[in-house]
Amino acid sequence: MASSDLEQLCSHVNEKIGNIKKTLSLRSCGQQPALKTILNKLGDEIIVVNELLNKLESEIQYQEQTNSSLKELCKALEEDYKDVEHLMGNIPSHLPQVIAPQNSVKGSDLDPEEPVKVEEPAPVKKPPKEQRSIKEMAFITCDEFDGVPVYMKSRLTYCQINYVIKEINKAVISKYKILHQPKKSMNSVARNLYHRFIDEETKDTKGHYFIVEADIKEFTTLKVDKKFHMLLSILRHCRRLSEVRGGGLTRYVIT
């Protein structure tokens, strides 16, 4: 064995021995009453820091959701502003005069020599086809939020819960618009979703509006995680939805 290899081996062994000595010294320090108190305080501080990090993470997620909602609102306002600009730029130079109906003209105002023009009645328009209304989940009130047990709310806020309700309503509307759409007008994507929706229905969901986790992922930006399921438990507590299970699938029924 070369001398350089032997030196490296000795150095490695000495390093391991040094690490063992440090570990034993720290272990003995932990048994001393004064140092033990300091270590316990450090442990408590670590727990507090961990809780603060969790709160910070929740706040960041809430701000991201709020930012996304504000972007959607800004986009909608921009479209409305463009419509208003278009209307302002296309105001007609004159408006058609309103012709008084025949029965509102007095006899003294009529010229006996001028033939009276009889207006033909406007054709009766067919009433528009009745649109099916889609049931949406009502938002949580402040009183209802205050009545939710603390262990269920955890660090969730009133705004976070109603934001999730808004997104669930978006998923419900998107789903049932496809179900109410004529099949001939569907593209391939809508047709595939339509068949999935039909396959997920059961006798217990007949006549009710419901969604599944796949609809949440398809139509919203919500993350289906532990926090989302905590929110669902609050919505069940407030009787906003119920669950129908079967076939390895959980259906969230709007109540």
Protein backbone atom coordinates (compact mmCIF):
# COMPACT_ATOMS: atom_id res chain seq x y z
CA MET A 1 0.00 0.00 0.00
CA ALA A 2 1.37 3.40 -1.00
CA SER A 3 2.04 5.95 1.72
CA SER A 4 -0.43 8.40 0.14
CA ASP A 5 -3.22 5.79 0.33
CA LEU A 6 -2.39 5.06 3.96
CA GLU A 7 -2.49 8.78 4.80
CA GLN A 8 -5.88 9.15 3.12
CA LEU A 9 -7.23 6.14 5.04
CA CYS A 10 -5.95 7.51 8.34
CA SER A 11 -7.42 10.91 7.58
CA HIS A 12 -10.79 9.32 6.76
CA VAL A 13 -10.80 7.26 9.99
CA ASN A 14 -9.81 10.28 12.06
CA GLU A 15 -12.62 12.31 10.47
CA LYS A 16 -15.17 9.63 11.37
CA ILE A 17 -13.85 9.46 14.92
CA GLY A 18 -14.12 13.25 15.17
CA ASN A 19 -17.72 13.15 14.01
CA ILE A 20 -18.55 10.50 16.61
CA LYS A 21 -16.94 12.61 19.35
CA LYS A 22 -18.96 15.66 18.28
CA THR A 23 -22.18 13.63 18.29
CA LEU A 24 -21.46 12.26 21.76
CA SER A 25 -20.62 15.72 23.06
CA LEU A 26 -23.89 17.13 21.67
CA ARG A 27 -25.80 14.24 23.19
CA SER A 28 -24.28 14.88 26.58
CA CYS A 29 -25.03 18.62 26.23
CA GLY A 30 -28.69 17.79 25.66
CA GLN A 31 -28.84 16.12 29.06
CA GLN A 32 -27.74 19.25 30.90
CA PRO A 33 -30.77 21.12 32.33
CA ALA A 34 -29.68 24.56 31.14
CA LEU A 35 -28.89 23.45 27.60
CA LYS A 36 -31.95 21.23 27.46
CA THR A 37 -34.17 24.27 28.07
CA ILE A 38 -32.45 26.13 25.22
CA LEU A 39 -32.94 23.16 22.88
CA ASN A 40 -36.65 23.00 23.78
CA LYS A 41 -37.01 26.73 23.04
CA LEU A 42 -35.31 26.23 19.69
CA GLY A 43 -37.76 23.43 18.92
CA ASP A 44 -40.70 25.68 19.76
CA GLU A 45 -39.29 28.45 17.56
CA ILE A 46 -38.93 26.01 14.67
CA ILE A 47 -42.61 25.03 15.05
CA VAL A 48 -43.66 28.71 15.04
CA VAL A 49 -41.57 29.41 11.94
CA ASN A 50 -43.11 26.37 10.23
CA GLU A 51 -46.64 27.65 10.99
CA LEU A 52 -45.72 31.09 9.64
CA LEU A 53 -44.43 29.50 6.44
CA ASN A 54 -47.71 27.58 6.06
CA LYS A 55 -49.70 30.81 6.51
CA LEU A 56 -47.45 32.55 3.99
CA GLU A 57 -48.02 29.76 1.48
CA SER A 58 -51.81 29.98 1.93
CA GLU A 59 -51.70 33.77 1.52
CA ILE A 60 -49.64 33.45 -1.67
CA GLN A 61 -52.15 30.98 -3.11
CA TYR A 62 -55.03 33.32 -2.20
CA GLN A 63 -53.26 36.29 -3.81
CA GLU A 64 -52.63 34.23 -6.96
CA GLN A 65 -56.32 33.33 -7.14
CA THR A 66 -57.31 36.97 -6.57
CA ASN A 67 -54.87 38.09 -9.25
CA SER A 68 -56.35 35.59 -11.70
CA SER A 69 -59.88 36.84 -10.94
CA LEU A 70 -58.81 40.46 -11.40
CA LYS A 71 -57.24 39.62 -14.76
CA GLU A 72 -60.50 38.04 -15.92
CA LEU A 73 -62.44 41.11 -14.71
CA CYS A 74 -60.01 43.45 -16.46
CA LYS A 75 -60.37 41.49 -19.69
CA ALA A 76 -64.18 41.68 -19.47
CA LEU A 77 -64.03 45.45 -18.80
CA GLU A 78 -61.76 45.95 -21.81
CA GLU A 79 -64.25 44.14 -24.03
CA ASP A 80 -67.12 46.28 -22.66
CA TYR A 81 -65.05 49.43 -23.25
CA LYS A 82 -64.45 48.42 -26.89
CA ASP A 83 -68.19 47.87 -27.34
CA VAL A 84 -68.96 51.31 -25.91
CA GLU A 85 -66.35 52.93 -28.17
CA HIS A 86 -67.87 51.18 -31.16
CA LEU A 87 -71.35 52.44 -30.23
CA MET A 88 -70.11 55.98 -29.71
CA GLY A 89 -68.37 55.96 -33.09
CA ASN A 90 -71.42 54.65 -34.91
CA ILE A 91 -74.25 56.81 -33.60
CA PRO A 92 -76.66 57.45 -36.51
CA SER A 93 -77.02 61.04 -37.72
CA HIS A 94 -80.78 60.91 -37.25
CA LEU A 95 -83.26 58.56 -35.68
CA PRO A 96 -86.48 57.42 -37.38
CA GLN A 97 -89.52 59.43 -36.37
CA VAL A 98 -92.13 57.73 -34.27
CA ILE A 99 -95.45 57.43 -36.13
CA ALA A 100 -98.43 57.92 -33.86
CA PRO A 101 -100.80 54.98 -33.88
CA GLN A 102 -104.12 55.48 -35.70
CA ASN A 103 -106.28 55.35 -32.59
CA SER A 104 -104.26 58.11 -30.90
CA VAL A 105 -104.86 60.72 -33.66
CA LYS A 106 -107.79 63.02 -33.08
CA GLY A 107 -110.47 63.35 -35.76
CA SER A 108 -109.94 67.11 -35.99
CA ASP A 109 -106.30 66.57 -36.99
CA LEU A 110 -107.23 64.46 -40.02
CA ASP A 111 -107.56 65.94 -43.46
CA PRO A 112 -110.90 64.68 -44.84
CA GLU A 113 -109.58 64.80 -48.39
CA GLU A 114 -106.37 62.89 -47.59
CA PRO A 115 -106.76 59.12 -47.44
CA VAL A 116 -105.86 57.65 -44.13
CA LYS A 117 -102.86 55.32 -44.25
CA VAL A 118 -103.57 52.11 -42.48
CA GLU A 119 -100.43 50.52 -41.13
CA GLU A 120 -100.14 46.81 -41.48
CA PRO A 121 -99.67 45.04 -38.20
CA ALA A 122 -96.15 43.86 -37.58
CA PRO A 123 -95.71 40.13 -37.97
CA VAL A 124 -95.93 38.32 -34.68
CA LYS A 125 -92.51 37.05 -33.69
CA LYS A 126 -92.25 33.56 -32.43
CA PRO A 127 -91.44 33.48 -28.76
CA PRO A 128 -87.80 32.61 -28.18
CA LYS A 129 -87.10 29.05 -27.27
CA GLU A 130 -87.12 28.72 -23.52
CA GLN A 131 -83.62 28.27 -22.19
CA ARG A 132 -83.00 25.78 -19.48
CA SER A 133 -81.79 27.36 -16.29
CA ILE A 134 -78.75 25.81 -14.64
CA LYS A 135 -78.75 25.58 -10.88
CA GLU A 136 -75.83 27.34 -9.21
CA MET A 137 -74.50 27.14 -5.68
CA ALA A 138 -75.36 30.10 -3.45
CA PHE A 139 -72.48 31.98 -1.83
CA ILE A 140 -71.74 31.57 1.89
CA THR A 141 -73.00 34.40 4.09
CA CYS A 142 -70.98 35.95 6.92
CA ASP A 143 -73.29 34.38 9.51
CA GLU A 144 -72.85 30.94 7.97
CA PHE A 145 -69.07 31.39 7.90
CA ASP A 146 -69.05 32.37 11.59
CA GLY A 147 -71.06 29.22 12.34
CA VAL A 148 -68.50 26.88 10.76
CA PRO A 149 -66.45 25.07 13.45
CA VAL A 150 -62.92 26.40 13.88
CA TYR A 151 -61.33 23.00 13.26
CA MET A 152 -63.01 22.89 9.83
CA LYS A 153 -62.06 26.43 8.83
CA SER A 154 -58.44 26.15 9.96
CA ARG A 155 -56.78 29.13 8.22
CA LEU A 156 -59.33 29.36 5.40
CA THR A 157 -60.98 32.74 4.87
CA TYR A 158 -64.49 33.80 3.89
CA CYS A 159 -63.25 35.06 0.51
CA GLN A 160 -61.43 31.81 -0.25
CA ILE A 161 -64.59 29.75 0.32
CA ASN A 162 -66.74 31.96 -1.91
CA TYR A 163 -64.03 31.98 -4.59
CA VAL A 164 -64.21 28.17 -4.69
CA ILE A 165 -68.02 28.39 -4.96
CA LYS A 166 -67.61 30.74 -7.92
CA GLU A 167 -65.26 28.28 -9.65
CA ILE A 168 -67.54 25.30 -8.93
CA ASN A 169 -70.46 27.24 -10.46
CA LYS A 170 -68.29 27.88 -13.51
CA ALA A 171 -67.69 24.13 -13.85
CA VAL A 172 -71.42 23.35 -13.42
CA ILE A 173 -72.45 25.90 -16.07
CA SER A 174 -69.79 24.71 -18.54
CA LYS A 175 -70.81 21.08 -18.07
CA TYR A 176 -74.55 21.54 -18.45
CA LYS A 177 -74.21 23.91 -21.40
CA ILE A 178 -72.63 20.98 -23.22
CA LEU A 179 -75.36 18.60 -22.02
CA HIS A 180 -78.08 21.02 -23.22
CA GLN A 181 -76.33 21.63 -26.55
CA PRO A 182 -77.72 19.92 -29.68
CA LYS A 183 -75.52 16.95 -30.58
CA LYS A 184 -75.27 18.02 -34.22
CA SER A 185 -73.52 21.25 -33.24
CA MET A 186 -70.91 19.55 -31.00
CA ASN A 187 -67.28 19.23 -31.98
CA SER A 188 -65.26 16.13 -31.11
CA VAL A 189 -64.07 17.50 -27.75
CA ALA A 190 -67.59 18.44 -26.63
CA ARG A 191 -68.93 15.10 -27.85
CA ASN A 192 -66.36 13.16 -25.80
CA LEU A 193 -67.21 15.22 -22.72
CA TYR A 194 -70.92 14.68 -23.36
CA HIS A 195 -70.51 10.89 -23.35
CA ARG A 196 -68.44 11.05 -20.14
CA PHE A 197 -71.12 13.15 -18.46
CA ILE A 198 -73.80 10.63 -19.42
CA ASP A 199 -71.73 7.66 -18.21
CA GLU A 200 -71.24 9.33 -14.80
CA GLU A 201 -74.97 9.75 -14.14
CA THR A 202 -76.77 7.36 -11.80
CA LYS A 203 -80.32 6.92 -10.59
CA ASP A 204 -79.37 8.89 -7.44
CA THR A 205 -78.25 11.92 -9.49
CA LYS A 206 -81.22 11.95 -11.86
CA GLY A 207 -82.81 15.40 -11.89
CA HIS A 208 -79.90 16.93 -9.97
CA TYR A 209 -76.92 19.03 -11.04
CA PHE A 210 -73.55 17.54 -10.09
CA ILE A 211 -69.88 17.58 -11.02
CA VAL A 212 -66.86 15.35 -10.40
CA GLU A 213 -63.18 16.13 -9.85
CA ALA A 214 -62.51 15.72 -13.58
CA ASP A 215 -64.91 18.63 -14.24
CA ILE A 216 -63.03 20.81 -11.72
CA LYS A 217 -59.77 20.11 -13.56
CA GLU A 218 -61.40 20.57 -16.98
CA PHE A 219 -63.23 23.87 -16.45
CA THR A 220 -61.43 25.67 -13.56
CA THR A 221 -57.95 26.54 -12.31
CA LEU A 222 -58.55 25.02 -8.86
CA LYS A 223 -56.12 22.45 -7.49
CA VAL A 224 -57.81 19.28 -6.27
CA ASP A 225 -55.65 18.87 -3.16
CA LYS A 226 -56.03 18.53 0.60
CA LYS A 227 -57.04 22.19 0.95
CA PHE A 228 -59.74 21.76 -1.71
CA HIS A 229 -61.25 18.81 0.16
CA MET A 230 -61.24 20.87 3.38
CA LEU A 231 -63.28 23.48 1.52
CA LEU A 232 -65.69 20.80 0.31
CA SER A 233 -66.27 19.68 3.91
CA ILE A 234 -67.26 23.28 4.76
CA LEU A 235 -69.67 23.38 1.80
CA ARG A 236 -71.22 20.11 2.97
CA HIS A 237 -71.55 21.56 6.47
CA CYS A 238 -73.32 24.63 5.03
CA ARG A 239 -75.56 22.34 2.92
CA ARG A 240 -74.33 23.68 -0.38
CA LEU A 241 -73.58 20.25 -1.76
CA SER A 242 -73.82 16.56 -0.98
CA GLU A 243 -71.86 13.53 -2.14
CA VAL A 244 -73.03 10.52 -4.12
CA ARG A 245 -70.44 7.76 -4.37
CA GLY A 246 -70.43 4.77 -6.65
CA GLY A 247 -68.28 3.05 -9.24
CA GLY A 248 -65.09 4.48 -7.71
CA LEU A 249 -66.34 8.02 -8.35
CA THR A 250 -67.48 10.81 -6.03
CA ARG A 251 -70.22 13.05 -7.43
CA TYR A 252 -70.69 16.50 -5.84
CA VAL A 253 -74.40 17.31 -6.07
CA ILE A 254 -75.51 20.95 -5.87
CA THR A 255 -78.21 21.27 -3.19
